[in-house]
């Protein structure tokens, strides 16, 4: 079974989100929105894969229970099957999987205490 297909996104905690977004836009040429940036893998922005770069306040609890200042989002081919396989292997999920506008999501921790968001893109 194909599992991880790529990087879905990188999420970073920041002391000053506005200043950080401005720096990435000014110096790296990444067009930033309030939430971050969508990095398209091709010119077909309607259905093609993309990755996200997003910045969070240092005080966010979205990365909990990890105490790391980042969270990795991995794109997956079939989230439901992967979640079943992870549960079967005894890998605990953080909360329950969600089906949202942008796709399906689930969360786990790696052995080093890094939170990983698993994402199956909608469509």
PDB file of N, CA and C in Angstrom:
ATOM      1  N   UNK A   1       0.850  -1.186   0.000  1.00  0.00           N
ATOM      2  CA  UNK A   1       0.000   0.000   0.000  1.00  0.00           C
ATOM      3  C   UNK A   1       0.889   1.241   0.000  1.00  0.00           C
ATOM      4  N   UNK A   2       0.615   2.154  -0.897  1.00  0.00           N
ATOM      5  CA  UNK A   2       1.340   3.423  -0.907  1.00  0.00           C
ATOM      6  C   UNK A   2       0.847   4.241   0.273  1.00  0.00           C
ATOM      7  N   UNK A   3       1.727   4.736   1.074  1.00  0.00           N
ATOM      8  CA  UNK A   3       1.337   5.472   2.280  1.00  0.00           C
ATOM      9  C   UNK A   3       1.594   6.956   2.107  1.00  0.00           C
ATOM     10  N   UNK A   4       2.760   7.426   2.481  1.00  0.00           N
ATOM     11  CA  UNK A   4       3.094   8.852   2.370  1.00  0.00           C
ATOM     12  C   UNK A   4       3.485   9.158   0.933  1.00  0.00           C
ATOM     13  N   UNK A   5       2.904  10.227   0.389  1.00  0.00           N
ATOM     14  CA  UNK A   5       3.177  10.605  -1.000  1.00  0.00           C
ATOM     15  C   UNK A   5       3.983  11.892  -1.120  1.00  0.00           C
ATOM     16  N   UNK A   6       4.201  12.586  -0.002  1.00  0.00           N
ATOM     17  CA  UNK A   6       4.967  13.821  -0.063  1.00  0.00           C
ATOM     18  C   UNK A   6       4.760  14.680   1.173  1.00  0.00           C
ATOM     19  N   UNK A   7       5.354  15.837   1.152  1.00  0.00           N
ATOM     20  CA  UNK A   7       5.205  16.796   2.239  1.00  0.00           C
ATOM     21  C   UNK A   7       3.945  17.606   1.976  1.00  0.00           C
ATOM     22  N   UNK A   8       3.023  17.575   2.912  1.00  0.00           N
ATOM     23  CA  UNK A   8       1.801  18.366   2.798  1.00  0.00           C
ATOM     24  C   UNK A   8       2.014  19.778   3.296  1.00  0.00           C
ATOM     25  N   UNK A   9       2.882  19.911   4.282  1.00  0.00           N
ATOM     26  CA  UNK A   9       3.128  21.231   4.808  1.00  0.00           C
ATOM     27  C   UNK A   9       4.103  21.224   5.954  1.00  0.00           C
ATOM     28  N   UNK A  10       4.586  22.392   6.259  1.00  0.00           N
ATOM     29  CA  UNK A  10       5.451  22.621   7.408  1.00  0.00           C
ATOM     30  C   UNK A  10       4.833  23.758   8.190  1.00  0.00           C
ATOM     31  N   UNK A  11       4.609  23.524   9.462  1.00  0.00           N
ATOM     32  CA  UNK A  11       3.972  24.499  10.332  1.00  0.00           C
ATOM     33  C   UNK A  11       4.968  24.894  11.418  1.00  0.00           C
ATOM     34  N   UNK A  12       5.196  26.196  11.567  1.00  0.00           N
ATOM     35  CA  UNK A  12       6.200  26.707  12.496  1.00  0.00           C
ATOM     36  C   UNK A  12       5.578  27.648  13.515  1.00  0.00           C
ATOM     37  N   UNK A  13       5.990  27.505  14.768  1.00  0.00           N
ATOM     38  CA  UNK A  13       5.605  28.470  15.798  1.00  0.00           C
ATOM     39  C   UNK A  13       6.532  29.681  15.681  1.00  0.00           C
ATOM     40  N   UNK A  14       5.969  30.866  15.832  1.00  0.00           N
ATOM     41  CA  UNK A  14       6.746  32.101  15.666  1.00  0.00           C
ATOM     42  C   UNK A  14       6.488  33.070  16.812  1.00  0.00           C
ATOM     43  N   UNK A  15       7.522  33.818  17.181  1.00  0.00           N
ATOM     44  CA  UNK A  15       7.345  34.894  18.159  1.00  0.00           C
ATOM     45  C   UNK A  15       6.545  36.031  17.546  1.00  0.00           C
ATOM     46  N   UNK A  16       6.781  36.309  16.250  1.00  0.00           N
ATOM     47  CA  UNK A  16       6.105  37.405  15.556  1.00  0.00           C
ATOM     48  C   UNK A  16       5.697  36.895  14.170  1.00  0.00           C
ATOM     49  N   UNK A  17       4.451  36.417  14.052  1.00  0.00           N
ATOM     50  CA  UNK A  17       3.985  35.822  12.799  1.00  0.00           C
ATOM     51  C   UNK A  17       4.003  36.821  11.649  1.00  0.00           C
ATOM     52  N   UNK A  18       3.562  38.056  11.895  1.00  0.00           N
ATOM     53  CA  UNK A  18       3.518  39.050  10.818  1.00  0.00           C
ATOM     54  C   UNK A  18       4.909  39.335  10.267  1.00  0.00           C
ATOM     55  N   UNK A  19       5.847  39.522  11.163  1.00  0.00           N
ATOM     56  CA  UNK A  19       7.222  39.805  10.746  1.00  0.00           C
ATOM     57  C   UNK A  19       7.809  38.601   9.990  1.00  0.00           C
ATOM     58  N   UNK A  20       7.505  37.410  10.455  1.00  0.00           N
ATOM     59  CA  UNK A  20       8.017  36.196   9.807  1.00  0.00           C
ATOM     60  C   UNK A  20       7.427  36.037   8.414  1.00  0.00           C
ATOM     61  N   UNK A  21       6.104  36.218   8.287  1.00  0.00           N
ATOM     62  CA  UNK A  21       5.471  36.136   6.964  1.00  0.00           C
ATOM     63  C   UNK A  21       6.074  37.180   6.025  1.00  0.00           C
ATOM     64  N   UNK A  22       6.253  38.404   6.502  1.00  0.00           N
ATOM     65  CA  UNK A  22       6.823  39.474   5.683  1.00  0.00           C
ATOM     66  C   UNK A  22       8.235  39.113   5.228  1.00  0.00           C
ATOM     67  N   UNK A  23       9.035  38.522   6.125  1.00  0.00           N
ATOM     68  CA  UNK A  23      10.399  38.127   5.784  1.00  0.00           C
ATOM     69  C   UNK A  23      10.390  37.087   4.664  1.00  0.00           C
ATOM     70  N   UNK A  24       9.549  36.069   4.786  1.00  0.00           N
ATOM     71  CA  UNK A  24       9.480  35.020   3.764  1.00  0.00           C
ATOM     72  C   UNK A  24       9.032  35.596   2.417  1.00  0.00           C
ATOM     73  N   UNK A  25       8.112  36.536   2.448  1.00  0.00           N
ATOM     74  CA  UNK A  25       7.634  37.146   1.207  1.00  0.00           C
ATOM     75  C   UNK A  25       8.703  38.039   0.591  1.00  0.00           C
ATOM     76  N   UNK A  26       9.324  38.888   1.396  1.00  0.00           N
ATOM     77  CA  UNK A  26      10.325  39.834   0.903  1.00  0.00           C
ATOM     78  C   UNK A  26      11.582  39.135   0.402  1.00  0.00           C
ATOM     79  N   UNK A  27      12.098  38.211   1.203  1.00  0.00           N
ATOM     80  CA  UNK A  27      13.407  37.642   0.895  1.00  0.00           C
ATOM     81  C   UNK A  27      13.365  36.355   0.086  1.00  0.00           C
ATOM     82  N   UNK A  28      12.251  35.610   0.153  1.00  0.00           N
ATOM     83  CA  UNK A  28      12.168  34.351  -0.580  1.00  0.00           C
ATOM     84  C   UNK A  28      11.124  34.383  -1.690  1.00  0.00           C
ATOM     85  N   UNK A  29      10.389  35.499  -1.790  1.00  0.00           N
ATOM     86  CA  UNK A  29       9.427  35.648  -2.868  1.00  0.00           C
ATOM     87  C   UNK A  29       8.194  34.774  -2.757  1.00  0.00           C
ATOM     88  N   UNK A  30       7.874  34.320  -1.551  1.00  0.00           N
ATOM     89  CA  UNK A  30       6.693  33.486  -1.344  1.00  0.00           C
ATOM     90  C   UNK A  30       5.514  34.397  -1.043  1.00  0.00           C
ATOM     91  N   UNK A  31       4.490  34.348  -1.891  1.00  0.00           N
ATOM     92  CA  UNK A  31       3.296  35.157  -1.653  1.00  0.00           C
ATOM     93  C   UNK A  31       2.560  34.627  -0.433  1.00  0.00           C
ATOM     94  N   UNK A  32       2.485  35.448   0.605  1.00  0.00           N
ATOM     95  CA  UNK A  32       1.933  35.016   1.876  1.00  0.00           C
ATOM     96  C   UNK A  32       0.536  35.577   2.094  1.00  0.00           C
ATOM     97  N   UNK A  33      -0.362  34.720   2.559  1.00  0.00           N
ATOM     98  CA  UNK A  33      -1.677  35.130   3.044  1.00  0.00           C
ATOM     99  C   UNK A  33      -1.601  35.204   4.561  1.00  0.00           C
ATOM    100  N   UNK A  34      -2.686  35.592   5.208  1.00  0.00           N
ATOM    101  CA  UNK A  34      -2.731  35.679   6.670  1.00  0.00           C
ATOM    102  C   UNK A  34      -2.351  34.351   7.328  1.00  0.00           C
ATOM    103  N   UNK A  35      -2.794  33.249   6.762  1.00  0.00           N
ATOM    104  CA  UNK A  35      -2.553  31.923   7.343  1.00  0.00           C
ATOM    105  C   UNK A  35      -1.223  31.319   6.903  1.00  0.00           C
ATOM    106  N   UNK A  36      -0.646  31.799   5.794  1.00  0.00           N
ATOM    107  CA  UNK A  36       0.599  31.238   5.281  1.00  0.00           C
ATOM    108  C   UNK A  36       0.582  31.229   3.770  1.00  0.00           C
ATOM    109  N   UNK A  37       1.156  30.181   3.147  1.00  0.00           N
ATOM    110  CA  UNK A  37       1.248  30.117   1.688  1.00  0.00           C
ATOM    111  C   UNK A  37       0.942  28.719   1.180  1.00  0.00           C
ATOM    112  N   UNK A  38       0.286  28.692   0.039  1.00  0.00           N
ATOM    113  CA  UNK A  38       0.065  27.428  -0.668  1.00  0.00           C
ATOM    114  C   UNK A  38       1.101  27.345  -1.770  1.00  0.00           C
ATOM    115  N   UNK A  39       1.875  26.284  -1.773  1.00  0.00           N
ATOM    116  CA  UNK A  39       2.933  26.086  -2.760  1.00  0.00           C
ATOM    117  C   UNK A  39       2.465  25.016  -3.732  1.00  0.00           C
ATOM    118  N   UNK A  40       2.019  25.434  -4.915  1.00  0.00           N
ATOM    119  CA  UNK A  40       1.452  24.519  -5.902  1.00  0.00           C
ATOM    120  C   UNK A  40       2.537  23.704  -6.578  1.00  0.00           C
ATOM    121  N   UNK A  41       2.244  22.453  -6.834  1.00  0.00           N
ATOM    122  CA  UNK A  41       3.192  21.568  -7.503  1.00  0.00           C
ATOM    123  C   UNK A  41       3.135  21.706  -9.011  1.00  0.00           C
ATOM    124  N   UNK A  42       2.071  22.359  -9.518  1.00  0.00           N
ATOM    125  CA  UNK A  42       1.957  22.608 -10.950  1.00  0.00           C
ATOM    126  C   UNK A  42       1.084  23.842 -11.165  1.00  0.00           C
ATOM    127  N   UNK A  43       0.898  24.222 -12.413  1.00  0.00           N
ATOM    128  CA  UNK A  43       0.073  25.383 -12.727  1.00  0.00           C
ATOM    129  C   UNK A  43      -1.418  25.097 -12.600  1.00  0.00           C
ATOM    130  N   UNK A  44      -1.805  23.825 -12.527  1.00  0.00           N
ATOM    131  CA  UNK A  44      -3.206  23.444 -12.362  1.00  0.00           C
ATOM    132  C   UNK A  44      -3.563  23.565 -10.883  1.00  0.00           C
ATOM    133  N   UNK A  45      -4.014  24.743 -10.493  1.00  0.00           N
ATOM    134  CA  UNK A  45      -4.257  25.006  -9.065  1.00  0.00           C
ATOM    135  C   UNK A  45      -5.590  24.466  -8.571  1.00  0.00           C
ATOM    136  N   UNK A  46      -6.409  23.888  -9.449  1.00  0.00           N
ATOM    137  CA  UNK A  46      -7.723  23.409  -9.022  1.00  0.00           C
ATOM    138  C   UNK A  46      -7.691  21.997  -8.453  1.00  0.00           C
ATOM    139  N   UNK A  47      -6.853  21.125  -9.008  1.00  0.00           N
ATOM    140  CA  UNK A  47      -6.855  19.745  -8.533  1.00  0.00           C
ATOM    141  C   UNK A  47      -5.466  19.182  -8.279  1.00  0.00           C
ATOM    142  N   UNK A  48      -4.441  19.906  -8.663  1.00  0.00           N
ATOM    143  CA  UNK A  48      -3.077  19.402  -8.508  1.00  0.00           C
ATOM    144  C   UNK A  48      -2.653  19.419  -7.042  1.00  0.00           C
ATOM    145  N   UNK A  49      -1.717  18.557  -6.682  1.00  0.00           N
ATOM    146  CA  UNK A  49      -1.201  18.571  -5.310  1.00  0.00           C
ATOM    147  C   UNK A  49      -0.522  19.893  -4.978  1.00  0.00           C
ATOM    148  N   UNK A  50      -0.506  20.197  -3.701  1.00  0.00           N
ATOM    149  CA  UNK A  50       0.177  21.387  -3.209  1.00  0.00           C
ATOM    150  C   UNK A  50       0.660  21.126  -1.787  1.00  0.00           C
ATOM    151  N   UNK A  51       1.566  21.956  -1.343  1.00  0.00           N
ATOM    152  CA  UNK A  51       2.062  21.925   0.033  1.00  0.00           C
ATOM    153  C   UNK A  51       1.786  23.286   0.650  1.00  0.00           C
ATOM    154  N   UNK A  52       1.876  23.328   1.970  1.00  0.00           N
ATOM    155  CA  UNK A  52       1.551  24.540   2.708  1.00  0.00           C
ATOM    156  C   UNK A  52       2.717  24.912   3.614  1.00  0.00           C
ATOM    157  N   UNK A  53       2.990  26.197   3.694  1.00  0.00           N
ATOM    158  CA  UNK A  53       3.912  26.741   4.680  1.00  0.00           C
ATOM    159  C   UNK A  53       3.073  27.666   5.545  1.00  0.00           C
ATOM    160  N   UNK A  54       3.011  27.384   6.841  1.00  0.00           N
ATOM    161  CA  UNK A  54       2.127  28.176   7.697  1.00  0.00           C
ATOM    162  C   UNK A  54       2.804  28.474   9.030  1.00  0.00           C
ATOM    163  N   UNK A  55       2.445  29.635   9.568  1.00  0.00           N
ATOM    164  CA  UNK A  55       3.047  30.111  10.810  1.00  0.00           C
ATOM    165  C   UNK A  55       1.974  30.240  11.886  1.00  0.00           C
ATOM    166  N   UNK A  56       2.303  29.817  13.076  1.00  0.00           N
ATOM    167  CA  UNK A  56       1.390  29.829  14.213  1.00  0.00           C
ATOM    168  C   UNK A  56       1.980  30.657  15.345  1.00  0.00           C
ATOM    169  N   UNK A  57       1.113  31.206  16.171  1.00  0.00           N
ATOM    170  CA  UNK A  57       1.579  31.892  17.380  1.00  0.00           C
ATOM    171  C   UNK A  57       2.292  30.887  18.279  1.00  0.00           C
ATOM    172  N   UNK A  58       3.285  31.370  19.007  1.00  0.00           N
ATOM    173  CA  UNK A  58       4.005  30.502  19.941  1.00  0.00           C
ATOM    174  C   UNK A  58       3.058  29.837  20.939  1.00  0.00           C
ATOM    175  N   UNK A  59       1.967  30.505  21.264  1.00  0.00           N
ATOM    176  CA  UNK A  59       1.040  30.014  22.284  1.00  0.00           C
ATOM    177  C   UNK A  59       0.036  28.987  21.756  1.00  0.00           C
ATOM    178  N   UNK A  60       0.109  28.628  20.466  1.00  0.00           N
ATOM    179  CA  UNK A  60      -0.870  27.690  19.919  1.00  0.00           C
ATOM    180  C   UNK A  60      -0.841  26.350  20.644  1.00  0.00           C
ATOM    181  N   UNK A  61      -1.994  25.728  20.748  1.00  0.00           N
ATOM    182  CA  UNK A  61      -2.050  24.376  21.305  1.00  0.00           C
ATOM    183  C   UNK A  61      -2.245  23.348  20.185  1.00  0.00           C
ATOM    184  N   UNK A  62      -2.217  23.802  18.936  1.00  0.00           N
ATOM    185  CA  UNK A  62      -2.440  22.911  17.790  1.00  0.00           C
ATOM    186  C   UNK A  62      -1.359  21.842  17.672  1.00  0.00           C
ATOM    187  N   UNK A  63      -0.161  22.109  18.173  1.00  0.00           N
ATOM    188  CA  UNK A  63       0.930  21.146  18.090  1.00  0.00           C
ATOM    189  C   UNK A  63       0.934  20.187  19.277  1.00  0.00           C
ATOM    190  N   UNK A  64       0.095  20.436  20.280  1.00  0.00           N
ATOM    191  CA  UNK A  64       0.050  19.591  21.479  1.00  0.00           C
ATOM    192  C   UNK A  64      -0.334  18.160  21.105  1.00  0.00           C
ATOM    193  N   UNK A  65       0.188  17.178  21.781  1.00  0.00           N
ATOM    194  CA  UNK A  65       0.967  17.253  23.004  1.00  0.00           C
ATOM    195  C   UNK A  65       2.469  17.422  22.791  1.00  0.00           C
ATOM    196  N   UNK A  66       2.917  17.636  21.560  1.00  0.00           N
ATOM    197  CA  UNK A  66       4.330  17.869  21.307  1.00  0.00           C
ATOM    198  C   UNK A  66       4.746  19.227  21.864  1.00  0.00           C
ATOM    199  N   UNK A  67       5.978  19.308  22.346  1.00  0.00           N
ATOM    200  CA  UNK A  67       6.495  20.597  22.807  1.00  0.00           C
ATOM    201  C   UNK A  67       7.461  21.200  21.782  1.00  0.00           C
ATOM    202  N   UNK A  68       7.494  20.619  20.571  1.00  0.00           N
ATOM    203  CA  UNK A  68       8.366  21.110  19.513  1.00  0.00           C
ATOM    204  C   UNK A  68       7.778  22.376  18.880  1.00  0.00           C
ATOM    205  N   UNK A  69       8.610  23.247  18.320  1.00  0.00           N
ATOM    206  CA  UNK A  69       8.129  24.482  17.705  1.00  0.00           C
ATOM    207  C   UNK A  69       7.705  24.294  16.236  1.00  0.00           C
ATOM    208  N   UNK A  70       7.495  23.051  15.816  1.00  0.00           N
ATOM    209  CA  UNK A  70       7.096  22.789  14.439  1.00  0.00           C
ATOM    210  C   UNK A  70       6.186  21.566  14.412  1.00  0.00           C
ATOM    211  N   UNK A  71       5.475  21.416  13.318  1.00  0.00           N
ATOM    212  CA  UNK A  71       4.705  20.204  13.076  1.00  0.00           C
ATOM    213  C   UNK A  71       4.815  19.889  11.590  1.00  0.00           C
ATOM    214  N   UNK A  72       5.005  18.650  11.276  1.00  0.00           N
ATOM    215  CA  UNK A  72       5.122  18.184   9.911  1.00  0.00           C
ATOM    216  C   UNK A  72       3.768  17.663   9.452  1.00  0.00           C
ATOM    217  N   UNK A  73       3.364  18.044   8.254  1.00  0.00           N
ATOM    218  CA  UNK A  73       2.148  17.525   7.642  1.00  0.00           C
ATOM    219  C   UNK A  73       2.585  16.657   6.474  1.00  0.00           C
ATOM    220  N   UNK A  74       2.186  15.386   6.506  1.00  0.00           N
ATOM    221  CA  UNK A  74       2.540  14.461   5.435  1.00  0.00           C
ATOM    222  C   UNK A  74       1.312  14.124   4.609  1.00  0.00           C
ATOM    223  N   UNK A  75       1.455  14.204   3.294  1.00  0.00           N
ATOM    224  CA  UNK A  75       0.381  13.812   2.378  1.00  0.00           C
ATOM    225  C   UNK A  75       0.318  12.291   2.343  1.00  0.00           C
ATOM    226  N   UNK A  76      -0.885  11.744   2.365  1.00  0.00           N
ATOM    227  CA  UNK A  76      -1.044  10.295   2.297  1.00  0.00           C
ATOM    228  C   UNK A  76      -2.018   9.936   1.188  1.00  0.00           C
ATOM    229  N   UNK A  77      -1.897   8.717   0.672  1.00  0.00           N
ATOM    230  CA  UNK A  77      -2.716   8.269  -0.454  1.00  0.00           C
ATOM    231  C   UNK A  77      -4.109   7.823  -0.008  1.00  0.00           C
ATOM    232  N   UNK A  78      -4.218   7.159   1.137  1.00  0.00           N
ATOM    233  CA  UNK A  78      -5.492   6.598   1.602  1.00  0.00           C
ATOM    234  C   UNK A  78      -5.498   6.663   3.124  1.00  0.00           C
ATOM    235  N   UNK A  79      -5.997   7.772   3.655  1.00  0.00           N
ATOM    236  CA  UNK A  79      -5.927   7.997   5.098  1.00  0.00           C
ATOM    237  C   UNK A  79      -6.669   6.927   5.889  1.00  0.00           C
ATOM    238  N   UNK A  80      -7.854   6.541   5.448  1.00  0.00           N
ATOM    239  CA  UNK A  80      -8.631   5.557   6.195  1.00  0.00           C
ATOM    240  C   UNK A  80      -7.870   4.244   6.364  1.00  0.00           C
ATOM    241  N   UNK A  81      -7.263   3.758   5.281  1.00  0.00           N
ATOM    242  CA  UNK A  81      -6.487   2.516   5.357  1.00  0.00           C
ATOM    243  C   UNK A  81      -5.258   2.678   6.230  1.00  0.00           C
ATOM    244  N   UNK A  82      -4.587   3.827   6.118  1.00  0.00           N
ATOM    245  CA  UNK A  82      -3.397   4.062   6.926  1.00  0.00           C
ATOM    246  C   UNK A  82      -3.754   4.137   8.408  1.00  0.00           C
ATOM    247  N   UNK A  83      -4.847   4.819   8.736  1.00  0.00           N
ATOM    248  CA  UNK A  83      -5.279   4.907  10.139  1.00  0.00           C
ATOM    249  C   UNK A  83      -5.582   3.511  10.678  1.00  0.00           C
ATOM    250  N   UNK A  84      -6.267   2.679   9.908  1.00  0.00           N
ATOM    251  CA  UNK A  84      -6.558   1.307  10.344  1.00  0.00           C
ATOM    252  C   UNK A  84      -5.264   0.539  10.577  1.00  0.00           C
ATOM    253  N   UNK A  85      -4.299   0.700   9.687  1.00  0.00           N
ATOM    254  CA  UNK A  85      -3.009   0.016   9.821  1.00  0.00           C
ATOM    255  C   UNK A  85      -2.254   0.516  11.053  1.00  0.00           C
ATOM    256  N   UNK A  86      -2.256   1.826  11.282  1.00  0.00           N
ATOM    257  CA  UNK A  86      -1.581   2.382  12.453  1.00  0.00           C
ATOM    258  C   UNK A  86      -2.216   1.874  13.743  1.00  0.00           C
ATOM    259  N   UNK A  87      -3.534   1.880  13.797  1.00  0.00           N
ATOM    260  CA  UNK A  87      -4.232   1.381  14.990  1.00  0.00           C
ATOM    261  C   UNK A  87      -3.902  -0.093  15.212  1.00  0.00           C
ATOM    262  N   UNK A  88      -3.890  -0.874  14.142  1.00  0.00           N
ATOM    263  CA  UNK A  88      -3.571  -2.298  14.241  1.00  0.00           C
ATOM    264  C   UNK A  88      -2.161  -2.521  14.773  1.00  0.00           C
ATOM    265  N   UNK A  89      -1.256  -1.611  14.450  1.00  0.00           N
ATOM    266  CA  UNK A  89       0.134  -1.713  14.903  1.00  0.00           C
ATOM    267  C   UNK A  89       0.329  -1.119  16.304  1.00  0.00           C
ATOM    268  N   UNK A  90      -0.746  -0.592  16.902  1.00  0.00           N
ATOM    269  CA  UNK A  90      -0.649  -0.031  18.245  1.00  0.00           C
ATOM    270  C   UNK A  90      -0.180   1.401  18.299  1.00  0.00           C
ATOM    271  N   UNK A  91      -0.179   2.094  17.158  1.00  0.00           N
ATOM    272  CA  UNK A  91       0.216   3.509  17.128  1.00  0.00           C
ATOM    273  C   UNK A  91      -1.015   4.324  17.523  1.00  0.00           C
ATOM    274  N   UNK A  92      -0.943   5.032  18.653  1.00  0.00           N
ATOM    275  CA  UNK A  92      -2.117   5.798  19.083  1.00  0.00           C
ATOM    276  C   UNK A  92      -2.312   7.061  18.251  1.00  0.00           C
ATOM    277  N   UNK A  93      -3.567   7.342  17.966  1.00  0.00           N
ATOM    278  CA  UNK A  93      -3.912   8.590  17.305  1.00  0.00           C
ATOM    279  C   UNK A  93      -4.119   9.671  18.349  1.00  0.00           C
ATOM    280  N   UNK A  94      -3.875  10.896  17.969  1.00  0.00           N
ATOM    281  CA  UNK A  94      -4.172  12.042  18.834  1.00  0.00           C
ATOM    282  C   UNK A  94      -5.541  12.541  18.374  1.00  0.00           C
ATOM    283  N   UNK A  95      -6.540  12.354  19.177  1.00  0.00           N
ATOM    284  CA  UNK A  95      -7.894  12.707  18.781  1.00  0.00           C
ATOM    285  C   UNK A  95      -8.408  11.746  17.728  1.00  0.00           C
ATOM    286  N   UNK A  96      -9.482  12.137  17.083  1.00  0.00           N
ATOM    287  CA  UNK A  96     -10.090  11.317  16.041  1.00  0.00           C
ATOM    288  C   UNK A  96      -9.852  11.965  14.680  1.00  0.00           C
ATOM    289  N   UNK A  97      -9.775  11.144  13.630  1.00  0.00           N
ATOM    290  CA  UNK A  97      -9.626  11.695  12.284  1.00  0.00           C
ATOM    291  C   UNK A  97     -10.784  12.637  11.950  1.00  0.00           C
ATOM    292  N   UNK A  98     -10.490  13.624  11.105  1.00  0.00           N
ATOM    293  CA  UNK A  98     -11.497  14.600  10.681  1.00  0.00           C
ATOM    294  C   UNK A  98     -11.595  14.626   9.163  1.00  0.00           C
ATOM    295  N   UNK A  99     -12.803  14.877   8.677  1.00  0.00           N
ATOM    296  CA  UNK A  99     -13.024  15.086   7.255  1.00  0.00           C
ATOM    297  C   UNK A  99     -13.429  16.539   7.087  1.00  0.00           C
ATOM    298  N   UNK A 100     -12.546  17.338   6.492  1.00  0.00           N
ATOM    299  CA  UNK A 100     -12.746  18.780   6.361  1.00  0.00           C
ATOM    300  C   UNK A 100     -12.825  19.173   4.883  1.00  0.00           C
ATOM    301  N   UNK A 101     -13.055  20.440   4.638  1.00  0.00           N
ATOM    302  CA  UNK A 101     -13.161  20.977   3.284  1.00  0.00           C
ATOM    303  C   UNK A 101     -11.918  20.657   2.435  1.00  0.00           C
ATOM    304  N   UNK A 102     -10.737  20.701   3.050  1.00  0.00           N
ATOM    305  CA  UNK A 102      -9.483  20.507   2.320  1.00  0.00           C
ATOM    306  C   UNK A 102      -9.032  19.056   2.277  1.00  0.00           C
ATOM    307  N   UNK A 103      -9.778  18.168   2.927  1.00  0.00           N
ATOM    308  CA  UNK A 103      -9.423  16.763   2.909  1.00  0.00           C
ATOM    309  C   UNK A 103      -9.602  16.108   4.262  1.00  0.00           C
ATOM    310  N   UNK A 104      -9.016  14.932   4.387  1.00  0.00           N
ATOM    311  CA  UNK A 104      -9.098  14.149   5.619  1.00  0.00           C
ATOM    312  C   UNK A 104      -7.800  14.326   6.411  1.00  0.00           C
ATOM    313  N   UNK A 105      -7.933  14.374   7.747  1.00  0.00           N
ATOM    314  CA  UNK A 105      -6.782  14.594   8.619  1.00  0.00           C
ATOM    315  C   UNK A 105      -6.775  13.599   9.780  1.00  0.00           C
ATOM    316  N   UNK A 106      -5.582  13.214  10.205  1.00  0.00           N
ATOM    317  CA  UNK A 106      -5.383  12.439  11.432  1.00  0.00           C
ATOM    318  C   UNK A 106      -4.020  12.845  11.992  1.00  0.00           C
ATOM    319  N   UNK A 107      -3.804  12.601  13.303  1.00  0.00           N
ATOM    320  CA  UNK A 107      -2.576  13.029  13.963  1.00  0.00           C
ATOM    321  C   UNK A 107      -1.993  11.902  14.793  1.00  0.00           C
ATOM    322  N   UNK A 108      -0.659  11.820  14.743  1.00  0.00           N
ATOM    323  CA  UNK A 108       0.099  10.849  15.528  1.00  0.00           C
ATOM    324  C   UNK A 108       1.349  11.540  16.068  1.00  0.00           C
ATOM    325  N   UNK A 109       2.066  10.825  16.928  1.00  0.00           N
ATOM    326  CA  UNK A 109       3.366  11.303  17.418  1.00  0.00           C
ATOM    327  C   UNK A 109       4.429  10.304  16.984  1.00  0.00           C
ATOM    328  N   UNK A 110       5.608  10.797  16.608  1.00  0.00           N
ATOM    329  CA  UNK A 110       6.708   9.885  16.311  1.00  0.00           C
ATOM    330  C   UNK A 110       7.419   9.543  17.616  1.00  0.00           C
ATOM    331  N   UNK A 111       8.379   8.613  17.603  1.00  0.00           N
ATOM    332  CA  UNK A 111       9.054   8.209  18.847  1.00  0.00           C
ATOM    333  C   UNK A 111       9.817   9.333  19.547  1.00  0.00           C
ATOM    334  N   UNK A 112      10.127  10.433  18.832  1.00  0.00           N
ATOM    335  CA  UNK A 112      10.855  11.554  19.409  1.00  0.00           C
ATOM    336  C   UNK A 112       9.934  12.624  19.978  1.00  0.00           C
ATOM    337  N   UNK A 113       8.617  12.398  19.910  1.00  0.00           N
ATOM    338  CA  UNK A 113       7.671  13.368  20.448  1.00  0.00           C
ATOM    339  C   UNK A 113       7.288  14.471  19.482  1.00  0.00           C
ATOM    340  N   UNK A 114       7.508  14.252  18.186  1.00  0.00           N
ATOM    341  CA  UNK A 114       7.115  15.213  17.163  1.00  0.00           C
ATOM    342  C   UNK A 114       5.716  14.868  16.670  1.00  0.00           C
ATOM    343  N   UNK A 115       4.832  15.847  16.670  1.00  0.00           N
ATOM    344  CA  UNK A 115       3.482  15.617  16.174  1.00  0.00           C
ATOM    345  C   UNK A 115       3.502  15.619  14.655  1.00  0.00           C
ATOM    346  N   UNK A 116       2.802  14.659  14.063  1.00  0.00           N
ATOM    347  CA  UNK A 116       2.696  14.537  12.609  1.00  0.00           C
ATOM    348  C   UNK A 116       1.216  14.593  12.243  1.00  0.00           C
ATOM    349  N   UNK A 117       0.910  15.490  11.319  1.00  0.00           N
ATOM    350  CA  UNK A 117      -0.442  15.566  10.782  1.00  0.00           C
ATOM    351  C   UNK A 117      -0.441  14.795   9.465  1.00  0.00           C
ATOM    352  N   UNK A 118      -1.347  13.820   9.343  1.00  0.00           N
ATOM    353  CA  UNK A 118      -1.497  13.046   8.129  1.00  0.00           C
ATOM    354  C   UNK A 118      -2.670  13.636   7.347  1.00  0.00           C
ATOM    355  N   UNK A 119      -2.480  13.862   6.050  1.00  0.00           N
ATOM    356  CA  UNK A 119      -3.481  14.569   5.255  1.00  0.00           C
ATOM    357  C   UNK A 119      -3.692  13.896   3.912  1.00  0.00           C
ATOM    358  N   UNK A 120      -4.950  13.597   3.621  1.00  0.00           N
ATOM    359  CA  UNK A 120      -5.354  13.144   2.294  1.00  0.00           C
ATOM    360  C   UNK A 120      -6.101  14.295   1.643  1.00  0.00           C
ATOM    361  N   UNK A 121      -5.518  14.878   0.616  1.00  0.00           N
ATOM    362  CA  UNK A 121      -6.098  16.055  -0.051  1.00  0.00           C
ATOM    363  C   UNK A 121      -7.467  15.717  -0.615  1.00  0.00           C
ATOM    364  N   UNK A 122      -8.423  16.621  -0.454  1.00  0.00           N
ATOM    365  CA  UNK A 122      -9.755  16.443  -1.033  1.00  0.00           C
ATOM    366  C   UNK A 122      -9.647  16.387  -2.548  1.00  0.00           C
ATOM    367  N   UNK A 123     -10.529  15.603  -3.175  1.00  0.00           N
ATOM    368  CA  UNK A 123     -10.552  15.516  -4.638  1.00  0.00           C
ATOM    369  C   UNK A 123      -9.549  14.539  -5.102  1.00  0.00           C
TER     370      UNK A 123
END
